[in-house]
Amino acid sequence: MVSKRYDLGYLKAGMGEIEDYLLSNQLYWTLGSSSPPGEPIFPQLTLGTLLLVSKRLKPQLDEREKNEFADELSKLKKIEHQWKSAWSQKASREFQARLNLWRNYLDDYRDHPMENYDRYAYEVSRRVVIDLLRPYLEKTSTYYDQILVGLDEILRGNFVRSSFLWEKGIEQSFPSTDYWYLYGRLRENE
C-alpha cells in the first residue's frame, strides 16, 4: 500500500477539487496536484477513493494530524450536505462502476485462478469502496443488492481466512465483522 504522507496529500488534493468534481459529469477526475516525490501518481478523484483514503488514514495520524484531518472531514460533510443530490448521484454511479469491476475480477479469477489469485490484495479495494459508498446511494436497488450477495457467495466459496490483508496499523478502521473479505485471500487453485 502507500504511505501516510501519500494519503494525506491525496486527501488535501481531493478536497481542493471536490466541488468541481461533484458538479461535473465525470466519474473519474484527474487531480491537478502531484503526489509526494518517490510515490506513485495519485489515482483519479472519486468519492469512493476519497472515503477509502480517509478511512485508511484515521488510525495512522498523530495528534496534530488528527486535528487537521478532523477539519478536512468536517469540510467534506458540509460539502456533502450542500451538494447532496450531486453527491448521491456520483455515489450511485461509482457504486455501479465498482460493482462491475469487482464482478469482472471475480469472473477472471473463476476462469483462471492461478493467473488472478495474487491480484486480490489490490482488487479487494473495490469491494471496500462498494461498502463505503452504500450509505450515500440515492436509493438502494434490489437488483444491485442481489448482485453483491451473489458475488459475496462466490468469494466465500473461494476464500481462505488469514490475517489482515493490508498494512499493519490500519486494521482497526476495517473490523473483521464488517470487512471480513480483508481477513484472508483467494485460493491459488480450484
C-alpha atoms as a PDB file:
ATOM      1  CA  MET A   1       0.000   0.000   0.000  1.00  0.00           C
ATOM      2  CA  VAL A   2       1.020   3.636   0.140  1.00  0.00           C
ATOM      3  CA  SER A   3       2.425   5.920   2.835  1.00  0.00           C
ATOM      4  CA  LYS A   4       0.548   8.171   5.244  1.00  0.00           C
ATOM      5  CA  ARG A   5       2.160  11.173   3.514  1.00  0.00           C
ATOM      6  CA  TYR A   6       0.736   9.983   0.204  1.00  0.00           C
ATOM      7  CA  ASP A   7      -2.789   9.550   1.614  1.00  0.00           C
ATOM      8  CA  LEU A   8      -2.670  12.957   3.308  1.00  0.00           C
ATOM      9  CA  GLY A   9      -1.572  14.516   0.006  1.00  0.00           C
ATOM     10  CA  TYR A  10      -4.416  12.807  -1.842  1.00  0.00           C
ATOM     11  CA  LEU A  11      -6.963  13.910   0.756  1.00  0.00           C
ATOM     12  CA  LYS A  12      -5.829  17.544   0.538  1.00  0.00           C
ATOM     13  CA  ALA A  13      -5.705  17.492  -3.260  1.00  0.00           C
ATOM     14  CA  GLY A  14      -9.134  15.872  -3.460  1.00  0.00           C
ATOM     15  CA  MET A  15     -10.662  18.317  -1.021  1.00  0.00           C
ATOM     16  CA  GLY A  16      -9.351  21.173  -3.136  1.00  0.00           C
ATOM     17  CA  GLU A  17     -11.251  19.892  -6.158  1.00  0.00           C
ATOM     18  CA  ILE A  18     -14.246  18.077  -4.678  1.00  0.00           C
ATOM     19  CA  GLU A  19     -16.867  20.704  -5.509  1.00  0.00           C
ATOM     20  CA  ASP A  20     -15.744  20.995  -9.136  1.00  0.00           C
ATOM     21  CA  TYR A  21     -15.748  17.212  -9.326  1.00  0.00           C
ATOM     22  CA  LEU A  22     -19.234  16.860  -7.859  1.00  0.00           C
ATOM     23  CA  LEU A  23     -20.668  19.398 -10.293  1.00  0.00           C
ATOM     24  CA  SER A  24     -19.014  17.807 -13.330  1.00  0.00           C
ATOM     25  CA  ASN A  25     -20.288  14.906 -15.420  1.00  0.00           C
ATOM     26  CA  GLN A  26     -17.055  12.982 -14.882  1.00  0.00           C
ATOM     27  CA  LEU A  27     -16.970   9.934 -12.671  1.00  0.00           C
ATOM     28  CA  TYR A  28     -13.153   9.846 -12.582  1.00  0.00           C
ATOM     29  CA  TRP A  29     -11.493  13.244 -12.103  1.00  0.00           C
ATOM     30  CA  THR A  30      -7.799  13.801 -12.758  1.00  0.00           C
ATOM     31  CA  LEU A  31      -6.287  15.758  -9.891  1.00  0.00           C
ATOM     32  CA  GLY A  32      -4.214  18.831 -10.650  1.00  0.00           C
ATOM     33  CA  SER A  33      -1.802  18.074  -7.800  1.00  0.00           C
ATOM     34  CA  SER A  34       1.303  15.912  -7.832  1.00  0.00           C
ATOM     35  CA  SER A  35       1.941  13.119  -5.394  1.00  0.00           C
ATOM     36  CA  PRO A  36       4.891  13.340  -2.982  1.00  0.00           C
ATOM     37  CA  PRO A  37       8.335  12.684  -4.514  1.00  0.00           C
ATOM     38  CA  GLY A  38       9.117   8.988  -4.799  1.00  0.00           C
ATOM     39  CA  GLU A  39       5.458   7.966  -4.528  1.00  0.00           C
ATOM     40  CA  PRO A  40       3.154   6.712  -7.320  1.00  0.00           C
ATOM     41  CA  ILE A  41       0.928   9.255  -9.046  1.00  0.00           C
ATOM     42  CA  PHE A  42      -2.359   9.969  -7.327  1.00  0.00           C
ATOM     43  CA  PRO A  43      -5.346   7.967  -8.538  1.00  0.00           C
ATOM     44  CA  GLN A  44      -8.176   9.883 -10.086  1.00  0.00           C
ATOM     45  CA  LEU A  45     -10.567  11.525  -7.656  1.00  0.00           C
ATOM     46  CA  THR A  46     -13.763   9.656  -6.867  1.00  0.00           C
ATOM     47  CA  LEU A  47     -15.938   9.748  -3.770  1.00  0.00           C
ATOM     48  CA  GLY A  48     -15.084   6.140  -3.056  1.00  0.00           C
ATOM     49  CA  THR A  49     -11.346   6.711  -3.216  1.00  0.00           C
ATOM     50  CA  LEU A  50     -11.656   9.789  -1.004  1.00  0.00           C
ATOM     51  CA  LEU A  51     -13.660   7.773   1.539  1.00  0.00           C
ATOM     52  CA  LEU A  52     -11.177   4.879   1.395  1.00  0.00           C
ATOM     53  CA  VAL A  53      -8.173   7.152   1.900  1.00  0.00           C
ATOM     54  CA  SER A  54      -9.924   8.857   4.822  1.00  0.00           C
ATOM     55  CA  LYS A  55     -10.649   5.508   6.452  1.00  0.00           C
ATOM     56  CA  ARG A  56      -7.070   4.283   5.962  1.00  0.00           C
ATOM     57  CA  LEU A  57      -5.625   7.488   7.376  1.00  0.00           C
ATOM     58  CA  LYS A  58      -7.579   7.754  10.592  1.00  0.00           C
ATOM     59  CA  PRO A  59      -5.607   5.273  12.747  1.00  0.00           C
ATOM     60  CA  GLN A  60      -2.209   6.453  11.451  1.00  0.00           C
ATOM     61  CA  LEU A  61      -2.339  10.097  12.481  1.00  0.00           C
ATOM     62  CA  ASP A  62      -0.521  11.888  15.293  1.00  0.00           C
ATOM     63  CA  GLU A  63      -2.343  14.496  17.418  1.00  0.00           C
ATOM     64  CA  ARG A  64      -1.603  17.454  15.126  1.00  0.00           C
ATOM     65  CA  GLU A  65      -2.623  15.486  12.060  1.00  0.00           C
ATOM     66  CA  LYS A  66      -5.813  14.300  13.774  1.00  0.00           C
ATOM     67  CA  ASN A  67      -6.955  17.911  14.203  1.00  0.00           C
ATOM     68  CA  GLU A  68      -6.144  18.720  10.586  1.00  0.00           C
ATOM     69  CA  PHE A  69      -7.903  15.531   9.486  1.00  0.00           C
ATOM     70  CA  ALA A  70     -10.991  16.367  11.553  1.00  0.00           C
ATOM     71  CA  ASP A  71     -11.125  19.777   9.863  1.00  0.00           C
ATOM     72  CA  GLU A  72     -10.973  18.160   6.419  1.00  0.00           C
ATOM     73  CA  LEU A  73     -13.695  15.661   7.319  1.00  0.00           C
ATOM     74  CA  SER A  74     -15.865  18.476   8.634  1.00  0.00           C
ATOM     75  CA  LYS A  75     -15.451  20.329   5.326  1.00  0.00           C
ATOM     76  CA  LEU A  76     -16.288  17.143   3.454  1.00  0.00           C
ATOM     77  CA  LYS A  77     -19.507  16.695   5.472  1.00  0.00           C
ATOM     78  CA  LYS A  78     -20.511  20.291   4.707  1.00  0.00           C
ATOM     79  CA  ILE A  79     -19.887  19.751   1.001  1.00  0.00           C
ATOM     80  CA  GLU A  80     -21.875  16.504   1.112  1.00  0.00           C
ATOM     81  CA  HIS A  81     -24.785  18.353   2.713  1.00  0.00           C
ATOM     82  CA  GLN A  82     -24.549  21.350   0.376  1.00  0.00           C
ATOM     83  CA  TRP A  83     -24.412  19.224  -2.777  1.00  0.00           C
ATOM     84  CA  LYS A  84     -26.493  16.279  -1.519  1.00  0.00           C
ATOM     85  CA  SER A  85     -28.093  15.436  -4.860  1.00  0.00           C
ATOM     86  CA  ALA A  86     -24.832  15.639  -6.821  1.00  0.00           C
ATOM     87  CA  TRP A  87     -23.098  13.607  -4.098  1.00  0.00           C
ATOM     88  CA  SER A  88     -25.756  10.867  -4.207  1.00  0.00           C
ATOM     89  CA  GLN A  89     -25.685  10.718  -7.989  1.00  0.00           C
ATOM     90  CA  LYS A  90     -21.889  10.367  -8.060  1.00  0.00           C
ATOM     91  CA  ALA A  91     -22.019   7.736  -5.310  1.00  0.00           C
ATOM     92  CA  SER A  92     -24.633   5.748  -7.241  1.00  0.00           C
ATOM     93  CA  ARG A  93     -22.658   5.890 -10.472  1.00  0.00           C
ATOM     94  CA  GLU A  94     -19.437   4.887  -8.768  1.00  0.00           C
ATOM     95  CA  PHE A  95     -21.151   2.109  -6.826  1.00  0.00           C
ATOM     96  CA  GLN A  96     -22.330   0.576 -10.104  1.00  0.00           C
ATOM     97  CA  ALA A  97     -18.918   1.011 -11.739  1.00  0.00           C
ATOM     98  CA  ARG A  98     -17.073  -0.548  -8.787  1.00  0.00           C
ATOM     99  CA  LEU A  99     -19.571  -3.395  -8.611  1.00  0.00           C
ATOM    100  CA  ASN A 100     -18.980  -4.158 -12.297  1.00  0.00           C
ATOM    101  CA  LEU A 101     -15.191  -4.057 -11.865  1.00  0.00           C
ATOM    102  CA  TRP A 102     -15.420  -6.343  -8.826  1.00  0.00           C
ATOM    103  CA  ARG A 103     -17.650  -8.770 -10.733  1.00  0.00           C
ATOM    104  CA  ASN A 104     -15.208  -8.746 -13.674  1.00  0.00           C
ATOM    105  CA  TYR A 105     -12.315  -9.548 -11.376  1.00  0.00           C
ATOM    106  CA  LEU A 106     -14.145 -12.463  -9.721  1.00  0.00           C
ATOM    107  CA  ASP A 107     -15.128 -13.767 -13.181  1.00  0.00           C
ATOM    108  CA  ASP A 108     -11.475 -13.577 -14.262  1.00  0.00           C
ATOM    109  CA  TYR A 109     -10.460 -15.396 -11.095  1.00  0.00           C
ATOM    110  CA  ARG A 110     -13.013 -18.167 -11.629  1.00  0.00           C
ATOM    111  CA  ASP A 111     -11.919 -18.598 -15.244  1.00  0.00           C
ATOM    112  CA  HIS A 112      -8.173 -18.502 -14.475  1.00  0.00           C
ATOM    113  CA  PRO A 113      -7.498 -18.753 -10.733  1.00  0.00           C
ATOM    114  CA  MET A 114      -3.741 -19.231 -10.995  1.00  0.00           C
ATOM    115  CA  GLU A 115      -3.398 -16.057 -13.067  1.00  0.00           C
ATOM    116  CA  ASN A 116      -5.597 -13.902 -10.842  1.00  0.00           C
ATOM    117  CA  TYR A 117      -5.495 -15.002  -7.176  1.00  0.00           C
ATOM    118  CA  ASP A 118      -2.431 -12.856  -6.421  1.00  0.00           C
ATOM    119  CA  ARG A 119      -4.208  -9.669  -7.550  1.00  0.00           C
ATOM    120  CA  TYR A 120      -6.723  -9.995  -4.719  1.00  0.00           C
ATOM    121  CA  ALA A 121      -4.997  -7.603  -2.273  1.00  0.00           C
ATOM    122  CA  TYR A 122      -5.302  -4.845  -4.866  1.00  0.00           C
ATOM    123  CA  GLU A 123      -8.696  -5.763  -6.334  1.00  0.00           C
ATOM    124  CA  VAL A 124     -10.448  -6.137  -2.978  1.00  0.00           C
ATOM    125  CA  SER A 125     -10.212  -2.364  -2.514  1.00  0.00           C
ATOM    126  CA  ARG A 126     -13.140  -2.220  -4.949  1.00  0.00           C
ATOM    127  CA  ARG A 127     -15.204  -4.331  -2.577  1.00  0.00           C
ATOM    128  CA  VAL A 128     -14.287  -1.998   0.290  1.00  0.00           C
ATOM    129  CA  VAL A 129     -15.319   1.053  -1.741  1.00  0.00           C
ATOM    130  CA  ILE A 130     -18.658  -0.596  -2.537  1.00  0.00           C
ATOM    131  CA  ASP A 131     -19.367  -0.789   1.201  1.00  0.00           C
ATOM    132  CA  LEU A 132     -18.159   2.767   1.799  1.00  0.00           C
ATOM    133  CA  LEU A 133     -20.425   4.177  -0.927  1.00  0.00           C
ATOM    134  CA  ARG A 134     -23.524   2.239   0.092  1.00  0.00           C
ATOM    135  CA  PRO A 135     -24.799   4.750   2.713  1.00  0.00           C
ATOM    136  CA  TYR A 136     -24.742   7.548   0.142  1.00  0.00           C
ATOM    137  CA  LEU A 137     -26.826   5.914  -2.571  1.00  0.00           C
ATOM    138  CA  GLU A 138     -29.969   7.773  -3.619  1.00  0.00           C
ATOM    139  CA  LYS A 139     -31.916   4.595  -3.186  1.00  0.00           C
ATOM    140  CA  THR A 140     -30.899   1.026  -2.724  1.00  0.00           C
ATOM    141  CA  SER A 141     -31.606  -1.287  -5.580  1.00  0.00           C
ATOM    142  CA  THR A 142     -32.690  -4.850  -5.018  1.00  0.00           C
ATOM    143  CA  TYR A 143     -31.023  -5.703  -8.323  1.00  0.00           C
ATOM    144  CA  TYR A 144     -27.599  -4.460  -7.159  1.00  0.00           C
ATOM    145  CA  ASP A 145     -28.096  -5.968  -3.711  1.00  0.00           C
ATOM    146  CA  GLN A 146     -28.699  -9.353  -5.332  1.00  0.00           C
ATOM    147  CA  ILE A 147     -25.595  -8.986  -7.488  1.00  0.00           C
ATOM    148  CA  LEU A 148     -23.483  -8.162  -4.427  1.00  0.00           C
ATOM    149  CA  VAL A 149     -24.905 -11.106  -2.462  1.00  0.00           C
ATOM    150  CA  GLY A 150     -24.089 -13.406  -5.377  1.00  0.00           C
ATOM    151  CA  LEU A 151     -20.544 -12.055  -5.670  1.00  0.00           C
ATOM    152  CA  ASP A 152     -20.020 -12.478  -1.932  1.00  0.00           C
ATOM    153  CA  GLU A 153     -21.154 -16.100  -2.223  1.00  0.00           C
ATOM    154  CA  ILE A 154     -18.570 -16.669  -4.965  1.00  0.00           C
ATOM    155  CA  LEU A 155     -15.934 -15.004  -2.806  1.00  0.00           C
ATOM    156  CA  ARG A 156     -16.797 -17.043   0.288  1.00  0.00           C
ATOM    157  CA  GLY A 157     -16.586 -20.244  -1.736  1.00  0.00           C
ATOM    158  CA  ASN A 158     -13.008 -19.433  -2.746  1.00  0.00           C
ATOM    159  CA  PHE A 159     -11.846 -17.621   0.378  1.00  0.00           C
ATOM    160  CA  VAL A 160      -9.114 -18.716   2.769  1.00  0.00           C
ATOM    161  CA  ARG A 161      -9.205 -16.923   6.133  1.00  0.00           C
ATOM    162  CA  SER A 162      -5.945 -15.494   7.416  1.00  0.00           C
ATOM    163  CA  SER A 163      -4.566 -12.298   8.898  1.00  0.00           C
ATOM    164  CA  PHE A 164      -5.421  -8.752   7.808  1.00  0.00           C
ATOM    165  CA  LEU A 165      -4.509  -8.337   4.164  1.00  0.00           C
ATOM    166  CA  TRP A 166      -3.314  -4.737   4.097  1.00  0.00           C
ATOM    167  CA  GLU A 167      -0.539  -2.985   6.011  1.00  0.00           C
ATOM    168  CA  LYS A 168      -0.348  -3.129   9.772  1.00  0.00           C
ATOM    169  CA  GLY A 169      -1.742  -0.231  11.742  1.00  0.00           C
ATOM    170  CA  ILE A 170      -4.955   0.347   9.798  1.00  0.00           C
ATOM    171  CA  GLU A 171      -6.907  -2.797  10.640  1.00  0.00           C
ATOM    172  CA  GLN A 172      -8.818  -1.009  13.411  1.00  0.00           C
ATOM    173  CA  SER A 173     -10.550   1.020  10.677  1.00  0.00           C
ATOM    174  CA  PHE A 174     -11.608  -2.203   8.977  1.00  0.00           C
ATOM    175  CA  PRO A 175     -13.068  -4.570  11.605  1.00  0.00           C
ATOM    176  CA  SER A 176     -13.474  -8.176  10.536  1.00  0.00           C
ATOM    177  CA  THR A 177     -17.200  -8.109  11.315  1.00  0.00           C
ATOM    178  CA  ASP A 178     -17.811  -5.569   8.529  1.00  0.00           C
ATOM    179  CA  TYR A 179     -14.821  -6.141   6.262  1.00  0.00           C
ATOM    180  CA  TRP A 180     -14.443  -9.911   6.536  1.00  0.00           C
ATOM    181  CA  TYR A 181     -13.038 -10.072   3.000  1.00  0.00           C
ATOM    182  CA  LEU A 182      -9.898  -8.178   4.136  1.00  0.00           C
ATOM    183  CA  TYR A 183      -9.007 -11.011   6.528  1.00  0.00           C
ATOM    184  CA  GLY A 184      -7.904 -13.637   4.064  1.00  0.00           C
ATOM    185  CA  ARG A 185      -7.115 -14.316   0.446  1.00  0.00           C
ATOM    186  CA  LEU A 186      -8.326 -16.276  -2.534  1.00  0.00           C
ATOM    187  CA  ARG A 187      -7.300 -19.897  -3.022  1.00  0.00           C
ATOM    188  CA  GLU A 188      -4.500 -20.383  -5.509  1.00  0.00           C
ATOM    189  CA  ASN A 189      -6.296 -23.070  -7.462  1.00  0.00           C
ATOM    190  CA  GLU A 190      -9.580 -24.850  -7.739  1.00  0.00           C
END
